[in-house]
Amino acid sequence: MDPAIIKELIEKGLPGSRAVVDGDGRHFEAVVVCDAFAGKRLVQQHQMVYRTLAGQMHDDAVHALSLRTYTCEQWDARGTSVSPS
């Protein structure tokens, strides 16, 4: 599966989110920034992302996904010039 498709599914499933996805077609890494993560535990944030990819995870189109999740405030506090968009 193309990382661009994973990005699109995440951003569509989590309105207002921004994602950067890289991978080799089965193993992926994603950084996802979304204000909907506010007040959620890390495991809950990851579950929210996994739900956007449920069909692909179930069909084994995505074998593994490494996640880093942030609220917009957390992302901005990192002071990085790289935008996950």
N, C-alpha and C. Protein backbone atom coordinates (compact mmCIF):
# COMPACT_ATOMS: atom_id res chain seq x y z
N MET A 1 0.84 -1.18 0.00
CA MET A 1 0.00 0.00 0.00
C MET A 1 0.89 1.24 0.00
N ASP A 2 0.47 2.24 -0.71
CA ASP A 2 1.21 3.49 -0.83
C ASP A 2 1.04 4.33 0.44
N PRO A 3 2.12 4.89 0.99
CA PRO A 3 2.02 5.74 2.17
C PRO A 3 1.05 6.91 1.99
N ALA A 4 0.92 7.41 0.77
CA ALA A 4 -0.01 8.52 0.51
C ALA A 4 -1.45 8.11 0.78
N ILE A 5 -1.78 6.85 0.54
CA ILE A 5 -3.14 6.35 0.81
C ILE A 5 -3.37 6.28 2.31
N ILE A 6 -2.36 5.82 3.06
CA ILE A 6 -2.47 5.77 4.51
C ILE A 6 -2.69 7.18 5.06
N LYS A 7 -1.91 8.14 4.57
CA LYS A 7 -2.04 9.54 4.98
C LYS A 7 -3.46 10.03 4.72
N GLU A 8 -3.97 9.77 3.54
CA GLU A 8 -5.31 10.21 3.16
C GLU A 8 -6.38 9.59 4.07
N LEU A 9 -6.26 8.31 4.36
CA LEU A 9 -7.23 7.63 5.22
C LEU A 9 -7.21 8.20 6.64
N ILE A 10 -6.02 8.46 7.16
CA ILE A 10 -5.91 9.03 8.50
C ILE A 10 -6.53 10.42 8.53
N GLU A 11 -6.16 11.27 7.58
CA GLU A 11 -6.65 12.64 7.57
C GLU A 11 -8.16 12.71 7.30
N LYS A 12 -8.68 11.79 6.52
CA LYS A 12 -10.13 11.73 6.28
C LYS A 12 -10.85 11.23 7.53
N GLY A 13 -10.28 10.24 8.20
CA GLY A 13 -10.91 9.65 9.37
C GLY A 13 -10.81 10.49 10.62
N LEU A 14 -9.83 11.38 10.67
CA LEU A 14 -9.64 12.30 11.80
C LEU A 14 -9.67 13.73 11.25
N PRO A 15 -10.86 14.28 11.07
CA PRO A 15 -10.97 15.63 10.49
C PRO A 15 -10.11 16.64 11.24
N GLY A 16 -9.41 17.46 10.48
CA GLY A 16 -8.55 18.47 11.06
C GLY A 16 -7.15 17.97 11.38
N SER A 17 -6.90 16.70 11.14
CA SER A 17 -5.58 16.14 11.44
C SER A 17 -4.61 16.41 10.30
N ARG A 18 -3.33 16.33 10.64
CA ARG A 18 -2.25 16.39 9.66
C ARG A 18 -1.39 15.17 9.90
N ALA A 19 -0.98 14.51 8.84
CA ALA A 19 -0.19 13.29 8.98
C ALA A 19 0.97 13.28 7.99
N VAL A 20 2.05 12.69 8.43
CA VAL A 20 3.19 12.38 7.57
C VAL A 20 3.39 10.88 7.70
N VAL A 21 3.40 10.19 6.57
CA VAL A 21 3.51 8.73 6.58
C VAL A 21 4.64 8.31 5.64
N ASP A 22 5.44 7.38 6.12
CA ASP A 22 6.52 6.81 5.32
C ASP A 22 6.45 5.30 5.48
N GLY A 23 6.87 4.57 4.48
CA GLY A 23 6.85 3.12 4.61
C GLY A 23 7.27 2.41 3.35
N ASP A 24 7.35 1.09 3.47
CA ASP A 24 7.82 0.26 2.37
C ASP A 24 6.70 -0.51 1.66
N GLY A 25 5.46 -0.19 1.98
CA GLY A 25 4.34 -0.88 1.35
C GLY A 25 3.59 -1.79 2.30
N ARG A 26 4.23 -2.23 3.38
CA ARG A 26 3.58 -3.06 4.41
C ARG A 26 3.90 -2.58 5.81
N HIS A 27 5.06 -1.98 6.00
CA HIS A 27 5.48 -1.46 7.30
C HIS A 27 5.56 0.06 7.18
N PHE A 28 4.89 0.75 8.11
CA PHE A 28 4.77 2.20 8.00
C PHE A 28 5.12 2.88 9.31
N GLU A 29 5.53 4.14 9.18
CA GLU A 29 5.72 5.04 10.31
C GLU A 29 4.88 6.27 10.04
N ALA A 30 4.17 6.75 11.07
CA ALA A 30 3.32 7.92 10.88
C ALA A 30 3.46 8.87 12.06
N VAL A 31 3.48 10.15 11.74
CA VAL A 31 3.35 11.21 12.73
C VAL A 31 1.99 11.84 12.46
N VAL A 32 1.15 11.88 13.49
CA VAL A 32 -0.20 12.42 13.32
C VAL A 32 -0.42 13.52 14.36
N VAL A 33 -0.84 14.68 13.88
CA VAL A 33 -1.14 15.82 14.74
C VAL A 33 -2.63 16.11 14.62
N CYS A 34 -3.32 16.11 15.78
CA CYS A 34 -4.77 16.31 15.75
C CYS A 34 -5.24 16.82 17.11
N ASP A 35 -6.03 17.88 17.11
CA ASP A 35 -6.54 18.40 18.38
C ASP A 35 -7.52 17.45 19.05
N ALA A 36 -8.07 16.51 18.31
CA ALA A 36 -8.98 15.52 18.91
C ALA A 36 -8.25 14.62 19.91
N PHE A 37 -6.91 14.63 19.90
CA PHE A 37 -6.13 13.84 20.85
C PHE A 37 -6.08 14.48 22.23
N ALA A 38 -6.48 15.74 22.34
CA ALA A 38 -6.40 16.46 23.62
C ALA A 38 -7.19 15.72 24.69
N GLY A 39 -6.55 15.52 25.84
CA GLY A 39 -7.19 14.86 26.97
C GLY A 39 -7.24 13.35 26.88
N LYS A 40 -6.72 12.80 25.81
CA LYS A 40 -6.74 11.34 25.61
C LYS A 40 -5.38 10.76 26.01
N ARG A 41 -5.41 9.55 26.56
CA ARG A 41 -4.17 8.83 26.84
C ARG A 41 -3.55 8.39 25.51
N LEU A 42 -2.26 8.11 25.54
CA LEU A 42 -1.55 7.72 24.33
C LEU A 42 -2.20 6.53 23.65
N VAL A 43 -2.58 5.53 24.43
CA VAL A 43 -3.21 4.35 23.83
C VAL A 43 -4.53 4.72 23.15
N GLN A 44 -5.27 5.65 23.72
CA GLN A 44 -6.52 6.10 23.09
C GLN A 44 -6.25 6.84 21.79
N GLN A 45 -5.19 7.65 21.78
CA GLN A 45 -4.82 8.36 20.56
C GLN A 45 -4.48 7.37 19.45
N HIS A 46 -3.71 6.36 19.80
CA HIS A 46 -3.32 5.35 18.80
C HIS A 46 -4.54 4.56 18.32
N GLN A 47 -5.46 4.26 19.22
CA GLN A 47 -6.68 3.56 18.83
C GLN A 47 -7.48 4.39 17.84
N MET A 48 -7.51 5.70 18.04
CA MET A 48 -8.23 6.58 17.11
C MET A 48 -7.63 6.48 15.71
N VAL A 49 -6.31 6.46 15.63
CA VAL A 49 -5.65 6.35 14.33
C VAL A 49 -5.90 4.97 13.72
N TYR A 50 -5.74 3.93 14.53
CA TYR A 50 -5.95 2.56 14.02
C TYR A 50 -7.36 2.38 13.48
N ARG A 51 -8.35 3.02 14.10
CA ARG A 51 -9.74 2.91 13.60
C ARG A 51 -9.86 3.45 12.18
N THR A 52 -9.08 4.46 11.84
CA THR A 52 -9.15 5.02 10.48
C THR A 52 -8.61 4.04 9.44
N LEU A 53 -7.84 3.06 9.91
CA LEU A 53 -7.19 2.08 9.02
C LEU A 53 -7.69 0.67 9.25
N ALA A 54 -8.81 0.53 9.92
CA ALA A 54 -9.29 -0.80 10.34
C ALA A 54 -9.35 -1.80 9.19
N GLY A 55 -9.89 -1.41 8.06
CA GLY A 55 -10.00 -2.34 6.94
C GLY A 55 -8.64 -2.80 6.43
N GLN A 56 -7.70 -1.87 6.34
CA GLN A 56 -6.37 -2.20 5.83
C GLN A 56 -5.59 -3.05 6.82
N MET A 57 -5.78 -2.80 8.12
CA MET A 57 -5.09 -3.60 9.14
C MET A 57 -5.67 -5.02 9.15
N HIS A 58 -6.99 -5.11 9.04
CA HIS A 58 -7.66 -6.41 9.07
C HIS A 58 -7.29 -7.25 7.85
N ASP A 59 -7.19 -6.61 6.69
CA ASP A 59 -6.86 -7.31 5.44
C ASP A 59 -5.36 -7.54 5.29
N ASP A 60 -4.58 -7.09 6.25
CA ASP A 60 -3.12 -7.23 6.25
C ASP A 60 -2.45 -6.41 5.15
N ALA A 61 -3.16 -5.41 4.61
CA ALA A 61 -2.53 -4.50 3.66
C ALA A 61 -1.49 -3.64 4.38
N VAL A 62 -1.77 -3.37 5.66
CA VAL A 62 -0.82 -2.70 6.54
C VAL A 62 -0.41 -3.72 7.58
N HIS A 63 0.82 -4.18 7.51
CA HIS A 63 1.28 -5.21 8.44
C HIS A 63 1.70 -4.61 9.78
N ALA A 64 2.36 -3.45 9.74
CA ALA A 64 2.83 -2.81 10.97
C ALA A 64 2.78 -1.30 10.79
N LEU A 65 2.43 -0.62 11.89
CA LEU A 65 2.35 0.84 11.87
C LEU A 65 2.94 1.37 13.17
N SER A 66 4.01 2.14 13.04
CA SER A 66 4.62 2.82 14.17
C SER A 66 4.05 4.23 14.22
N LEU A 67 3.53 4.63 15.38
CA LEU A 67 2.85 5.91 15.49
C LEU A 67 3.52 6.85 16.48
N ARG A 68 3.50 8.13 16.13
CA ARG A 68 3.80 9.21 17.06
C ARG A 68 2.64 10.18 16.91
N THR A 69 1.93 10.43 18.00
CA THR A 69 0.74 11.28 17.96
C THR A 69 0.93 12.49 18.87
N TYR A 70 0.40 13.63 18.41
CA TYR A 70 0.53 14.89 19.13
C TYR A 70 -0.75 15.70 18.94
N THR A 71 -1.07 16.53 19.94
CA THR A 71 -2.05 17.58 19.72
C THR A 71 -1.32 18.70 18.99
N CYS A 72 -2.06 19.66 18.45
CA CYS A 72 -1.42 20.79 17.77
C CYS A 72 -0.54 21.56 18.75
N GLU A 73 -1.02 21.72 19.98
CA GLU A 73 -0.25 22.43 21.00
C GLU A 73 1.07 21.70 21.30
N GLN A 74 1.00 20.38 21.44
CA GLN A 74 2.22 19.60 21.69
C GLN A 74 3.19 19.72 20.52
N TRP A 75 2.65 19.66 19.31
CA TRP A 75 3.50 19.75 18.12
C TRP A 75 4.19 21.11 18.06
N ASP A 76 3.41 22.17 18.29
CA ASP A 76 3.97 23.52 18.25
C ASP A 76 5.03 23.72 19.33
N ALA A 77 4.82 23.11 20.49
CA ALA A 77 5.77 23.24 21.61
C ALA A 77 7.11 22.58 21.29
N ARG A 78 7.12 21.66 20.35
CA ARG A 78 8.36 20.99 19.96
C ARG A 78 9.32 21.97 19.29
N GLY A 79 8.76 23.06 18.75
CA GLY A 79 9.59 24.08 18.13
C GLY A 79 10.27 23.63 16.85
N THR A 80 9.72 22.62 16.22
CA THR A 80 10.31 22.11 14.99
C THR A 80 9.81 22.93 13.80
N SER A 81 10.63 23.05 12.80
CA SER A 81 10.22 23.79 11.61
C SER A 81 9.58 22.88 10.57
N VAL A 82 9.61 21.59 10.84
CA VAL A 82 9.02 20.62 9.91
C VAL A 82 7.55 20.46 10.24
N SER A 83 6.69 20.65 9.26
CA SER A 83 5.25 20.53 9.47
C SER A 83 4.75 19.19 8.96
N PRO A 84 3.97 18.48 9.78
CA PRO A 84 3.44 17.20 9.32
C PRO A 84 2.24 17.39 8.41
N SER A 85 2.47 17.86 7.20
CA SER A 85 1.34 18.06 6.29
C SER A 85 1.69 17.62 4.89
